[in-house]
C-alpha atoms as a PDB file:
ATOM      1  CA  MET A   1     110.814 147.787 281.184  1.00  0.00           C
ATOM      2  CA  ALA A   2     110.825 151.351 282.466  1.00  0.00           C
ATOM      3  CA  GLY A   3     113.927 153.293 281.569  1.00  0.00           C
ATOM      4  CA  VAL A   4     115.707 155.649 283.997  1.00  0.00           C
ATOM      5  CA  PHE A   5     117.962 158.381 282.625  1.00  0.00           C
ATOM      6  CA  GLU A   6     120.121 161.142 283.993  1.00  0.00           C
ATOM      7  CA  VAL A   7     120.399 164.320 281.747  1.00  0.00           C
ATOM      8  CA  GLU A   8     123.330 166.672 282.098  1.00  0.00           C
ATOM      9  CA  VAL A   9     124.043 169.659 279.846  1.00  0.00           C
ATOM     10  CA  ASP A  10     127.039 172.007 280.214  1.00  0.00           C
ATOM     11  CA  GLY A  11     128.021 170.253 283.475  1.00  0.00           C
ATOM     12  CA  VAL A  12     124.671 171.014 285.068  1.00  0.00           C
ATOM     13  CA  GLU A  13     121.882 168.617 285.254  1.00  0.00           C
ATOM     14  CA  HIS A  14     118.541 169.825 283.909  1.00  0.00           C
ATOM     15  CA  ASP A  15     115.173 168.505 284.461  1.00  0.00           C
ATOM     16  CA  HIS A  16     113.441 170.901 281.913  1.00  0.00           C
ATOM     17  CA  GLY A  17     110.310 171.343 284.052  1.00  0.00           C
ATOM     18  CA  LEU A  18     110.426 167.786 285.351  1.00  0.00           C
ATOM     19  CA  GLN A  19     109.873 166.952 289.066  1.00  0.00           C
ATOM     20  CA  HIS A  20     112.219 164.477 290.695  1.00  0.00           C
ATOM     21  CA  HIS A  21     110.620 162.664 293.637  1.00  0.00           C
ATOM     22  CA  ASP A  22     112.744 159.857 294.781  1.00  0.00           C
ATOM     23  CA  GLU A  23     116.131 160.491 293.264  1.00  0.00           C
ATOM     24  CA  PRO A  24     117.109 164.085 292.575  1.00  0.00           C
ATOM     25  CA  HIS A  25     119.165 163.337 289.363  1.00  0.00           C
ATOM     26  CA  GLN A  26     117.110 160.511 287.813  1.00  0.00           C
ATOM     27  CA  PHE A  27     113.625 160.028 286.562  1.00  0.00           C
ATOM     28  CA  ASP A  28     111.368 157.384 284.929  1.00  0.00           C
ATOM     29  CA  VAL A  29     110.938 158.110 281.247  1.00  0.00           C
ATOM     30  CA  SER A  30     107.995 155.765 280.876  1.00  0.00           C
ATOM     31  CA  LYS A  31     105.886 158.143 283.105  1.00  0.00           C
ATOM     32  CA  LEU A  32     106.588 161.265 281.042  1.00  0.00           C
ATOM     33  CA  SER A  33     104.187 162.952 278.620  1.00  0.00           C
ATOM     34  CA  PRO A  34     105.203 163.132 274.930  1.00  0.00           C
ATOM     35  CA  GLU A  35     106.233 166.826 275.321  1.00  0.00           C
ATOM     36  CA  GLU A  36     108.443 165.929 278.285  1.00  0.00           C
ATOM     37  CA  LYS A  37     109.967 163.014 276.449  1.00  0.00           C
ATOM     38  CA  TRP A  38     110.886 165.364 273.600  1.00  0.00           C
ATOM     39  CA  ARG A  39     112.537 167.779 276.013  1.00  0.00           C
ATOM     40  CA  VAL A  40     114.584 165.012 277.514  1.00  0.00           C
ATOM     41  CA  GLU A  41     115.684 163.727 274.061  1.00  0.00           C
ATOM     42  CA  HIS A  42     116.464 167.295 273.034  1.00  0.00           C
ATOM     43  CA  ALA A  43     118.626 167.858 276.064  1.00  0.00           C
ATOM     44  CA  ARG A  44     120.386 164.503 275.522  1.00  0.00           C
ATOM     45  CA  MET A  45     121.103 165.445 271.899  1.00  0.00           C
ATOM     46  CA  HIS A  46     122.656 168.753 272.994  1.00  0.00           C
ATOM     47  CA  ALA A  47     124.819 166.979 275.526  1.00  0.00           C
ATOM     48  CA  LYS A  48     125.898 164.411 273.057  1.00  0.00           C
ATOM     49  CA  HIS A  49     126.944 166.899 270.300  1.00  0.00           C
ATOM     50  CA  LYS A  50     128.495 169.519 272.547  1.00  0.00           C
ATOM     51  CA  GLY A  51     131.871 170.767 271.190  1.00  0.00           C
ATOM     52  CA  HIS A  52     131.325 169.118 267.733  1.00  0.00           C
ATOM     53  CA  GLU A  53     130.602 172.337 265.802  1.00  0.00           C
ATOM     54  CA  ALA A  54     133.531 171.806 263.350  1.00  0.00           C
ATOM     55  CA  MET A  55     132.512 168.258 262.695  1.00  0.00           C
ATOM     56  CA  HIS A  56     128.929 169.352 262.032  1.00  0.00           C
ATOM     57  CA  ALA A  57     130.202 172.051 259.538  1.00  0.00           C
ATOM     58  CA  GLU A  58     132.125 169.372 257.773  1.00  0.00           C
ATOM     59  CA  MET A  59     129.041 167.157 257.586  1.00  0.00           C
ATOM     60  CA  VAL A  60     126.960 169.930 256.107  1.00  0.00           C
ATOM     61  CA  LEU A  61     129.691 170.604 253.462  1.00  0.00           C
ATOM     62  CA  ILE A  62     129.764 166.985 252.448  1.00  0.00           C
ATOM     63  CA  LEU A  63     125.986 166.980 252.069  1.00  0.00           C
ATOM     64  CA  ILE A  64     125.996 170.025 249.866  1.00  0.00           C
ATOM     65  CA  VAL A  65     128.769 168.815 247.702  1.00  0.00           C
ATOM     66  CA  THR A  66     127.171 165.387 247.321  1.00  0.00           C
ATOM     67  CA  LEU A  67     123.742 166.878 246.336  1.00  0.00           C
ATOM     68  CA  VAL A  68     125.313 169.117 243.727  1.00  0.00           C
ATOM     69  CA  VAL A  69     127.446 166.296 242.176  1.00  0.00           C
ATOM     70  CA  ALA A  70     124.519 163.803 242.223  1.00  0.00           C
ATOM     71  CA  GLN A  71     122.353 166.303 240.475  1.00  0.00           C
ATOM     72  CA  LEU A  72     124.888 166.852 237.804  1.00  0.00           C
ATOM     73  CA  VAL A  73     125.437 163.091 237.319  1.00  0.00           C
ATOM     74  CA  LEU A  74     121.660 162.422 237.027  1.00  0.00           C
ATOM     75  CA  VAL A  75     121.140 165.136 234.530  1.00  0.00           C
ATOM     76  CA  GLN A  76     123.963 163.882 232.345  1.00  0.00           C
ATOM     77  CA  TRP A  77     122.778 160.288 232.722  1.00  0.00           C
ATOM     78  CA  LYS A  78     119.238 161.301 231.674  1.00  0.00           C
ATOM     79  CA  GLN A  79     120.535 163.187 228.653  1.00  0.00           C
ATOM     80  CA  ARG A  80     122.930 160.593 227.405  1.00  0.00           C
ATOM     81  CA  HIS A  81     121.145 157.337 228.332  1.00  0.00           C
ATOM     82  CA  PRO A  82     117.363 158.108 228.892  1.00  0.00           C
ATOM     83  CA  LYS A  83     116.213 154.500 228.543  1.00  0.00           C
ATOM     84  CA  SER A  84     118.493 153.140 231.282  1.00  0.00           C
ATOM     85  CA  TYR A  85     117.926 156.107 233.412  1.00  0.00           C
ATOM     86  CA  ASN A  86     114.137 155.697 233.220  1.00  0.00           C
ATOM     87  CA  LEU A  87     114.300 151.961 234.006  1.00  0.00           C
ATOM     88  CA  VAL A  88     116.518 152.518 237.078  1.00  0.00           C
ATOM     89  CA  THR A  89     114.361 155.386 238.178  1.00  0.00           C
ATOM     90  CA  LEU A  90     111.227 153.231 237.860  1.00  0.00           C
ATOM     91  CA  PHE A  91     112.840 150.557 239.916  1.00  0.00           C
ATOM     92  CA  GLN A  92     113.903 152.992 242.529  1.00  0.00           C
ATOM     93  CA  MET A  93     110.318 154.376 242.678  1.00  0.00           C
ATOM     94  CA  TRP A  94     109.061 150.891 243.251  1.00  0.00           C
ATOM     95  CA  VAL A  95     111.401 149.529 245.866  1.00  0.00           C
ATOM     96  CA  VAL A  96     112.574 152.508 247.975  1.00  0.00           C
ATOM     97  CA  PRO A  97     109.266 153.287 249.561  1.00  0.00           C
ATOM     98  CA  LEU A  98     108.776 149.482 250.118  1.00  0.00           C
ATOM     99  CA  TYR A  99     111.909 149.359 252.237  1.00  0.00           C
ATOM    100  CA  PHE A 100     110.957 152.253 254.466  1.00  0.00           C
ATOM    101  CA  THR A 101     107.418 151.279 254.929  1.00  0.00           C
ATOM    102  CA  THR A 102     108.414 147.697 255.772  1.00  0.00           C
ATOM    103  CA  LYS A 103     110.912 148.982 258.427  1.00  0.00           C
ATOM    104  CA  LEU A 104     108.228 151.306 259.889  1.00  0.00           C
ATOM    105  CA  HIS A 105     105.434 148.610 259.744  1.00  0.00           C
ATOM    106  CA  TRP A 106     103.136 150.785 257.528  1.00  0.00           C
ATOM    107  CA  TRP A 107     100.801 147.779 256.659  1.00  0.00           C
ATOM    108  CA  ARG A 108      98.128 149.924 254.993  1.00  0.00           C
ATOM    109  CA  PHE A 109     100.640 151.116 252.498  1.00  0.00           C
ATOM    110  CA  LEU A 110     102.150 147.684 252.042  1.00  0.00           C
ATOM    111  CA  THR A 111      98.669 146.278 251.306  1.00  0.00           C
ATOM    112  CA  THR A 112      97.956 148.854 248.661  1.00  0.00           C
ATOM    113  CA  TRP A 113     101.568 148.403 247.200  1.00  0.00           C
ATOM    114  CA  PHE A 114     101.038 144.669 246.942  1.00  0.00           C
ATOM    115  CA  ILE A 115      97.684 144.999 245.124  1.00  0.00           C
ATOM    116  CA  PHE A 116      99.136 147.608 242.764  1.00  0.00           C
ATOM    117  CA  SER A 117     102.143 145.450 242.021  1.00  0.00           C
ATOM    118  CA  VAL A 118     100.170 142.328 241.293  1.00  0.00           C
ATOM    119  CA  ILE A 119      97.802 144.023 238.825  1.00  0.00           C
ATOM    120  CA  THR A 120     100.471 146.105 237.191  1.00  0.00           C
ATOM    121  CA  ALA A 121     102.718 143.102 236.797  1.00  0.00           C
ATOM    122  CA  TYR A 122      99.929 141.307 235.017  1.00  0.00           C
ATOM    123  CA  ILE A 123      99.155 144.229 232.849  1.00  0.00           C
ATOM    124  CA  SER A 124     102.933 144.724 232.014  1.00  0.00           C
ATOM    125  CA  PHE A 125     103.188 141.059 231.166  1.00  0.00           C
ATOM    126  CA  ARG A 126     100.266 141.309 228.722  1.00  0.00           C
ATOM    127  CA  ALA A 127     101.851 144.437 227.132  1.00  0.00           C
ATOM    128  CA  THR A 128     105.222 142.784 226.537  1.00  0.00           C
ATOM    129  CA  ARG A 129     103.861 139.637 224.712  1.00  0.00           C
ATOM    130  CA  LYS A 130     104.454 138.949 221.175  1.00  0.00           C
ATOM    131  CA  PRO A 131     102.267 138.731 219.127  1.00  0.00           C
ATOM    132  CA  LEU A 132     100.149 141.276 220.926  1.00  0.00           C
ATOM    133  CA  ALA A 133      96.631 140.374 221.590  1.00  0.00           C
ATOM    134  CA  CYS A 134      94.086 142.744 220.056  1.00  0.00           C
ATOM    135  CA  THR A 135      92.456 143.451 223.401  1.00  0.00           C
ATOM    136  CA  THR A 136      95.737 144.222 225.256  1.00  0.00           C
ATOM    137  CA  PRO A 137      96.179 147.916 224.389  1.00  0.00           C
ATOM    138  CA  ARG A 138      92.692 148.837 225.433  1.00  0.00           C
ATOM    139  CA  LEU A 139      93.041 146.857 228.636  1.00  0.00           C
ATOM    140  CA  VAL A 140      96.429 148.463 229.467  1.00  0.00           C
ATOM    141  CA  TYR A 141      95.204 152.043 228.807  1.00  0.00           C
ATOM    142  CA  LYS A 142      91.962 151.596 230.712  1.00  0.00           C
ATOM    143  CA  TRP A 143      93.840 150.231 233.747  1.00  0.00           C
ATOM    144  CA  PHE A 144      96.382 153.098 233.864  1.00  0.00           C
ATOM    145  CA  LEU A 145      93.758 155.680 233.045  1.00  0.00           C
ATOM    146  CA  LEU A 146      91.678 154.361 236.012  1.00  0.00           C
ATOM    147  CA  LEU A 147      94.708 154.420 238.257  1.00  0.00           C
ATOM    148  CA  TYR A 148      95.521 157.934 237.121  1.00  0.00           C
ATOM    149  CA  LYS A 149      92.044 159.233 237.981  1.00  0.00           C
ATOM    150  CA  ILE A 150      92.048 157.508 241.341  1.00  0.00           C
ATOM    151  CA  SER A 151      95.449 158.877 242.279  1.00  0.00           C
ATOM    152  CA  TYR A 152      94.491 162.309 241.027  1.00  0.00           C
ATOM    153  CA  ALA A 153      91.251 162.343 243.063  1.00  0.00           C
ATOM    154  CA  THR A 154      93.089 161.013 246.214  1.00  0.00           C
ATOM    155  CA  GLY A 155      95.832 163.676 245.849  1.00  0.00           C
ATOM    156  CA  ILE A 156      93.224 166.376 245.572  1.00  0.00           C
ATOM    157  CA  VAL A 157      91.316 165.162 248.645  1.00  0.00           C
ATOM    158  CA  GLY A 158      94.496 164.978 250.689  1.00  0.00           C
ATOM    159  CA  TYR A 159      95.536 168.409 249.735  1.00  0.00           C
ATOM    160  CA  THR A 160      92.083 169.740 250.612  1.00  0.00           C
ATOM    161  CA  VAL A 161      92.232 168.143 253.989  1.00  0.00           C
ATOM    162  CA  VAL A 162      95.655 169.600 254.675  1.00  0.00           C
ATOM    163  CA  MET A 163      94.542 173.049 253.724  1.00  0.00           C
ATOM    164  CA  PHE A 164      91.295 172.756 255.854  1.00  0.00           C
ATOM    165  CA  THR A 165      93.552 171.674 258.850  1.00  0.00           C
ATOM    166  CA  LEU A 166      95.811 174.680 258.469  1.00  0.00           C
ATOM    167  CA  PHE A 167      92.789 176.971 258.381  1.00  0.00           C
ATOM    168  CA  GLY A 168      91.319 175.157 261.553  1.00  0.00           C
ATOM    169  CA  ILE A 169      88.215 173.943 259.841  1.00  0.00           C
ATOM    170  CA  ASN A 170      88.838 170.393 261.380  1.00  0.00           C
ATOM    171  CA  LEU A 171      87.914 171.943 264.733  1.00  0.00           C
ATOM    172  CA  ILE A 172      84.310 172.325 263.529  1.00  0.00           C
ATOM    173  CA  PHE A 173      84.055 168.593 263.266  1.00  0.00           C
ATOM    174  CA  ARG A 174      85.911 168.101 266.633  1.00  0.00           C
ATOM    175  CA  ILE A 175      88.880 166.385 264.889  1.00  0.00           C
ATOM    176  CA  LYS A 176      92.296 166.835 266.428  1.00  0.00           C
ATOM    177  CA  PRO A 177      94.688 168.730 264.192  1.00  0.00           C
ATOM    178  CA  GLU A 178      97.411 165.981 264.266  1.00  0.00           C
ATOM    179  CA  ASP A 179      94.810 163.422 263.190  1.00  0.00           C
ATOM    180  CA  ALA A 180      93.470 165.469 260.374  1.00  0.00           C
ATOM    181  CA  MET A 181      96.938 166.427 259.186  1.00  0.00           C
ATOM    182  CA  ASP A 182      98.175 162.766 259.283  1.00  0.00           C
ATOM    183  CA  PHE A 183      95.028 161.740 257.205  1.00  0.00           C
ATOM    184  CA  GLY A 184      95.539 164.525 254.671  1.00  0.00           C
ATOM    185  CA  VAL A 185      99.355 163.966 254.240  1.00  0.00           C
ATOM    186  CA  SER A 186      98.749 160.204 253.908  1.00  0.00           C
ATOM    187  CA  LEU A 187      96.178 160.745 251.117  1.00  0.00           C
ATOM    188  CA  LEU A 188      98.379 163.219 249.402  1.00  0.00           C
ATOM    189  CA  PHE A 189     101.280 160.736 249.541  1.00  0.00           C
ATOM    190  CA  TYR A 190      99.234 157.921 248.140  1.00  0.00           C
ATOM    191  CA  GLY A 191      97.979 160.018 245.332  1.00  0.00           C
ATOM    192  CA  LEU A 192     101.264 161.393 244.244  1.00  0.00           C
ATOM    193  CA  TYR A 193     103.248 158.196 244.665  1.00  0.00           C
ATOM    194  CA  TYR A 194     100.966 155.875 242.688  1.00  0.00           C
ATOM    195  CA  GLY A 195     100.425 158.670 240.168  1.00  0.00           C
ATOM    196  CA  VAL A 196     104.173 158.802 239.408  1.00  0.00           C
ATOM    197  CA  LEU A 197     104.523 155.037 239.452  1.00  0.00           C
ATOM    198  CA  GLY A 198     101.600 154.425 237.276  1.00  0.00           C
ATOM    199  CA  ARG A 199     102.650 156.902 234.649  1.00  0.00           C
ATOM    200  CA  ASP A 200     106.143 155.426 234.490  1.00  0.00           C
ATOM    201  CA  PHE A 201     104.768 151.929 234.047  1.00  0.00           C
ATOM    202  CA  ALA A 202     102.225 153.240 231.432  1.00  0.00           C
ATOM    203  CA  GLU A 203     105.017 154.927 229.479  1.00  0.00           C
ATOM    204  CA  MET A 204     106.997 151.732 229.342  1.00  0.00           C
ATOM    205  CA  CYS A 205     103.961 149.751 228.254  1.00  0.00           C
ATOM    206  CA  ALA A 206     102.910 152.349 225.713  1.00  0.00           C
ATOM    207  CA  ASP A 207     106.314 152.244 223.990  1.00  0.00           C
ATOM    208  CA  PHE A 208     106.521 148.548 223.934  1.00  0.00           C
ATOM    209  CA  MET A 209     103.003 148.007 222.569  1.00  0.00           C
ATOM    210  CA  ALA A 210     103.219 150.801 219.927  1.00  0.00           C
ATOM    211  CA  SER A 211     106.602 149.318 218.782  1.00  0.00           C
ATOM    212  CA  THR A 212     105.049 145.817 218.631  1.00  0.00           C
ATOM    213  CA  VAL A 213     102.063 146.947 216.586  1.00  0.00           C
ATOM    214  CA  GLY A 214     104.470 148.492 214.147  1.00  0.00           C
ATOM    215  CA  TYR A 215     103.020 151.993 213.539  1.00  0.00           C
ATOM    216  CA  TYR A 216     105.353 153.691 215.986  1.00  0.00           C
ATOM    217  CA  SER A 217     109.154 153.619 216.568  1.00  0.00           C
ATOM    218  CA  ALA A 218     111.045 155.763 218.953  1.00  0.00           C
ATOM    219  CA  SER A 219     113.423 156.915 216.176  1.00  0.00           C
ATOM    220  CA  GLY A 220     112.900 156.539 212.399  1.00  0.00           C
ATOM    221  CA  MET A 221     109.925 155.785 210.166  1.00  0.00           C
ATOM    222  CA  PRO A 222     107.165 153.263 211.230  1.00  0.00           C
ATOM    223  CA  THR A 223     107.477 149.729 209.874  1.00  0.00           C
ATOM    224  CA  LYS A 224     103.872 149.796 208.656  1.00  0.00           C
ATOM    225  CA  HIS A 225     101.774 152.169 206.500  1.00  0.00           C
ATOM    226  CA  LEU A 226      98.859 153.524 208.423  1.00  0.00           C
ATOM    227  CA  SER A 227      95.412 153.206 206.686  1.00  0.00           C
ATOM    228  CA  ASP A 228      92.784 155.790 207.249  1.00  0.00           C
ATOM    229  CA  ASN A 229      90.500 153.433 209.344  1.00  0.00           C
ATOM    230  CA  ILE A 230      93.249 151.916 211.551  1.00  0.00           C
ATOM    231  CA  CYS A 231      94.321 153.161 215.043  1.00  0.00           C
ATOM    232  CA  ALA A 232      98.037 153.567 215.169  1.00  0.00           C
ATOM    233  CA  VAL A 233      98.122 152.850 218.943  1.00  0.00           C
ATOM    234  CA  CYS A 234      96.311 149.448 219.066  1.00  0.00           C
ATOM    235  CA  GLY A 235      96.315 148.553 215.332  1.00  0.00           C
ATOM    236  CA  GLN A 236      92.489 147.787 215.385  1.00  0.00           C
ATOM    237  CA  PRO A 237      89.993 149.195 212.905  1.00  0.00           C
ATOM    238  CA  ILE A 238      88.122 152.402 213.613  1.00  0.00           C
ATOM    239  CA  LEU A 239      84.382 151.592 213.701  1.00  0.00           C
ATOM    240  CA  VAL A 240      83.021 154.937 214.814  1.00  0.00           C
ATOM    241  CA  ASP A 241      83.260 158.002 212.674  1.00  0.00           C
ATOM    242  CA  VAL A 242      84.753 161.232 214.081  1.00  0.00           C
ATOM    243  CA  SER A 243      81.572 163.083 213.594  1.00  0.00           C
ATOM    244  CA  GLU A 244      79.434 160.322 215.281  1.00  0.00           C
ATOM    245  CA  GLU A 245      78.778 159.787 219.057  1.00  0.00           C
ATOM    246  CA  GLY A 246      80.037 156.359 220.036  1.00  0.00           C
ATOM    247  CA  ILE A 247      78.198 154.154 222.598  1.00  0.00           C
ATOM    248  CA  ILE A 248      81.385 153.071 224.459  1.00  0.00           C
ATOM    249  CA  GLU A 249      84.002 155.450 223.151  1.00  0.00           C
ATOM    250  CA  ASN A 250      84.404 158.177 220.553  1.00  0.00           C
ATOM    251  CA  THR A 251      86.905 158.606 217.762  1.00  0.00           C
ATOM    252  CA  TYR A 252      89.417 161.451 217.880  1.00  0.00           C
ATOM    253  CA  ARG A 253      91.131 163.164 214.984  1.00  0.00           C
ATOM    254  CA  LEU A 254      94.428 164.903 215.743  1.00  0.00           C
ATOM    255  CA  SER A 255      95.586 168.202 213.976  1.00  0.00           C
ATOM    256  CA  CYS A 256      97.646 165.892 211.679  1.00  0.00           C
ATOM    257  CA  ASN A 257      94.349 164.263 210.477  1.00  0.00           C
ATOM    258  CA  HIS A 258      95.209 160.879 211.987  1.00  0.00           C
ATOM    259  CA  VAL A 259      92.344 159.211 213.836  1.00  0.00           C
ATOM    260  CA  PHE A 260      92.487 157.002 217.065  1.00  0.00           C
ATOM    261  CA  HIS A 261      90.256 155.279 219.474  1.00  0.00           C
ATOM    262  CA  GLU A 262      89.332 157.592 222.482  1.00  0.00           C
ATOM    263  CA  PHE A 263      90.887 155.337 225.056  1.00  0.00           C
ATOM    264  CA  CYS A 264      93.944 154.688 223.020  1.00  0.00           C
ATOM    265  CA  ILE A 265      94.852 158.313 222.338  1.00  0.00           C
ATOM    266  CA  ARG A 266      93.903 159.361 226.011  1.00  0.00           C
ATOM    267  CA  GLY A 267      96.203 156.654 227.301  1.00  0.00           C
ATOM    268  CA  TRP A 268      98.958 157.519 224.828  1.00  0.00           C
ATOM    269  CA  CYS A 269      98.932 161.297 225.466  1.00  0.00           C
ATOM    270  CA  ILE A 270      98.023 161.676 229.044  1.00  0.00           C
ATOM    271  CA  VAL A 271      98.770 158.276 230.782  1.00  0.00           C
ATOM    272  CA  GLY A 272     101.830 157.460 228.568  1.00  0.00           C
ATOM    273  CA  LYS A 273     103.211 161.044 228.572  1.00  0.00           C
ATOM    274  CA  LYS A 274     103.383 161.030 224.726  1.00  0.00           C
ATOM    275  CA  GLN A 275     102.496 164.596 223.575  1.00  0.00           C
ATOM    276  CA  MET A 276     102.712 163.636 219.858  1.00  0.00           C
ATOM    277  CA  CYS A 277     100.948 161.585 217.195  1.00  0.00           C
ATOM    278  CA  PRO A 278     101.971 157.952 217.539  1.00  0.00           C
ATOM    279  CA  TYR A 279     102.445 157.735 213.648  1.00  0.00           C
ATOM    280  CA  CYS A 280     103.884 160.993 212.383  1.00  0.00           C
ATOM    281  CA  LYS A 281     105.248 162.351 215.584  1.00  0.00           C
ATOM    282  CA  GLU A 282     103.458 165.638 215.218  1.00  0.00           C
ATOM    283  CA  LYS A 283     102.826 167.545 218.445  1.00  0.00           C
ATOM    284  CA  VAL A 284      99.291 166.841 219.792  1.00  0.00           C
ATOM    285  CA  ASP A 285      96.956 169.748 220.163  1.00  0.00           C
ATOM    286  CA  LEU A 286      95.463 168.857 223.464  1.00  0.00           C
ATOM    287  CA  LYS A 287      93.048 171.873 223.495  1.00  0.00           C
ATOM    288  CA  ARG A 288      91.410 170.475 220.314  1.00  0.00           C
ATOM    289  CA  MET A 289      91.407 166.921 221.604  1.00  0.00           C
ATOM    290  CA  PHE A 290      89.795 167.863 225.009  1.00  0.00           C
ATOM    291  CA  SER A 291      86.976 170.319 224.508  1.00  0.00           C
ATOM    292  CA  ASN A 292      85.923 169.894 228.177  1.00  0.00           C
ATOM    293  CA  PRO A 293      87.938 172.429 230.211  1.00  0.00           C
ATOM    294  CA  TRP A 294      87.754 170.193 233.292  1.00  0.00           C
ATOM    295  CA  GLU A 295      89.826 167.546 231.526  1.00  0.00           C
ATOM    296  CA  ARG A 296      92.823 169.961 230.846  1.00  0.00           C
ATOM    297  CA  PRO A 297      94.077 170.126 234.520  1.00  0.00           C
ATOM    298  CA  HIS A 298      94.925 166.329 234.323  1.00  0.00           C
ATOM    299  CA  VAL A 299      97.764 167.251 232.012  1.00  0.00           C
ATOM    300  CA  MET A 300      99.124 169.878 234.446  1.00  0.00           C
ATOM    301  CA  TYR A 301      98.836 167.274 237.243  1.00  0.00           C
ATOM    302  CA  GLY A 302     100.993 164.971 235.157  1.00  0.00           C
ATOM    303  CA  GLN A 303     103.678 167.521 234.931  1.00  0.00           C
ATOM    304  CA  LEU A 304     103.574 167.953 238.751  1.00  0.00           C
ATOM    305  CA  LEU A 305     104.154 164.132 239.063  1.00  0.00           C
ATOM    306  CA  ASP A 306     107.320 164.371 236.964  1.00  0.00           C
ATOM    307  CA  TRP A 307     108.838 166.823 239.473  1.00  0.00           C
ATOM    308  CA  LEU A 308     108.163 164.469 242.318  1.00  0.00           C
ATOM    309  CA  ARG A 309     110.020 161.655 240.820  1.00  0.00           C
ATOM    310  CA  TYR A 310     113.425 162.877 241.862  1.00  0.00           C
ATOM    311  CA  LEU A 311     112.396 163.405 245.478  1.00  0.00           C
ATOM    312  CA  VAL A 312     111.049 159.815 245.931  1.00  0.00           C
ATOM    313  CA  ALA A 313     113.357 157.800 243.780  1.00  0.00           C
ATOM    314  CA  TRP A 314     116.801 159.424 244.229  1.00  0.00           C
ATOM    315  CA  GLN A 315     116.821 161.644 247.341  1.00  0.00           C
ATOM    316  CA  PRO A 316     116.817 158.657 249.841  1.00  0.00           C
ATOM    317  CA  VAL A 317     119.669 157.117 247.869  1.00  0.00           C
ATOM    318  CA  ILE A 318     121.770 160.283 248.000  1.00  0.00           C
ATOM    319  CA  ILE A 319     121.009 160.817 251.710  1.00  0.00           C
ATOM    320  CA  GLY A 320     122.054 157.164 252.411  1.00  0.00           C
ATOM    321  CA  PHE A 321     125.346 157.787 250.276  1.00  0.00           C
ATOM    322  CA  VAL A 322     126.079 160.849 252.461  1.00  0.00           C
ATOM    323  CA  GLN A 323     125.669 158.902 255.642  1.00  0.00           C
ATOM    324  CA  GLY A 324     127.924 156.277 254.306  1.00  0.00           C
ATOM    325  CA  ILE A 325     130.549 158.961 253.649  1.00  0.00           C
ATOM    326  CA  ASN A 326     130.114 160.293 257.204  1.00  0.00           C
ATOM    327  CA  TYR A 327     130.429 156.801 258.696  1.00  0.00           C
ATOM    328  CA  VAL A 328     133.672 156.068 256.722  1.00  0.00           C
ATOM    329  CA  LEU A 329     135.173 159.457 257.821  1.00  0.00           C
ATOM    330  CA  GLY A 330     134.110 158.730 261.424  1.00  0.00           C
ATOM    331  CA  LEU A 331     131.727 161.769 261.467  1.00  0.00           C
ATOM    332  CA  GLU A 332     128.681 161.563 263.755  1.00  0.00           C
END
């Protein structure tokens, strides 16, 4: 049904460049271009909030105070109770985007979210079983390492498309700027979101599996003595010598002289965010472990994902809390 609106600002009716044919003070919104619709909404917003400057200043003050207090509370929570903080943050990362994308009917994201959730739920279930199957650690780390590489590549492609659009390279291929930007931002969002979520699930699984094997504990000494030919991450024998080239994977020796399977220590250090030896907790020398310089940026990318966690997990909750305060106080 076509809508008809009359716009009045400061006591004078404005058409913002619109031509009135039948009725001098009314027009059919359905026949307007997107730019003209935006002008109409802009004029209506000004008319609606005229004379509310003091209220708007109060709302801005509430927003600033809430952001500062929330930041202090989150920092203290993370320092005092890191385990509960990480679990709640992981849950927030998982469900908050689901709520907004369902509300906006973003079916493409919902499809990828469902596939990710099903596979990750199965992997997490395998990682939390006792006794731990001998093939589970390698399965877990391979999945999260694959997810990490896919999210990394997706984020790089998205960032490249955004930069190309800003420099106008999309016009060479006759692609509209808004279409190219939407595509680039979408890829960037997918890469960063699943990168953060995958790393958090990987850290949880890495802690649980290593504690189950017995060679690692978050605090205190390990419950088992580590032999020279045993991997402290998965608890399986080392079959390939450090100096030999493996067919499927190599063997890595850390600066503390403890040896590990390639997939295990890669998953532990990069995917699981553990920058220390699983057995003796000595800091891992990543430059010695990764001789290929092209592998080192993955670690920097992981640090970037840590920064994004607050924006996705807690920012919508804080904004929702601010809107609740404004509603209770009658501010609009």
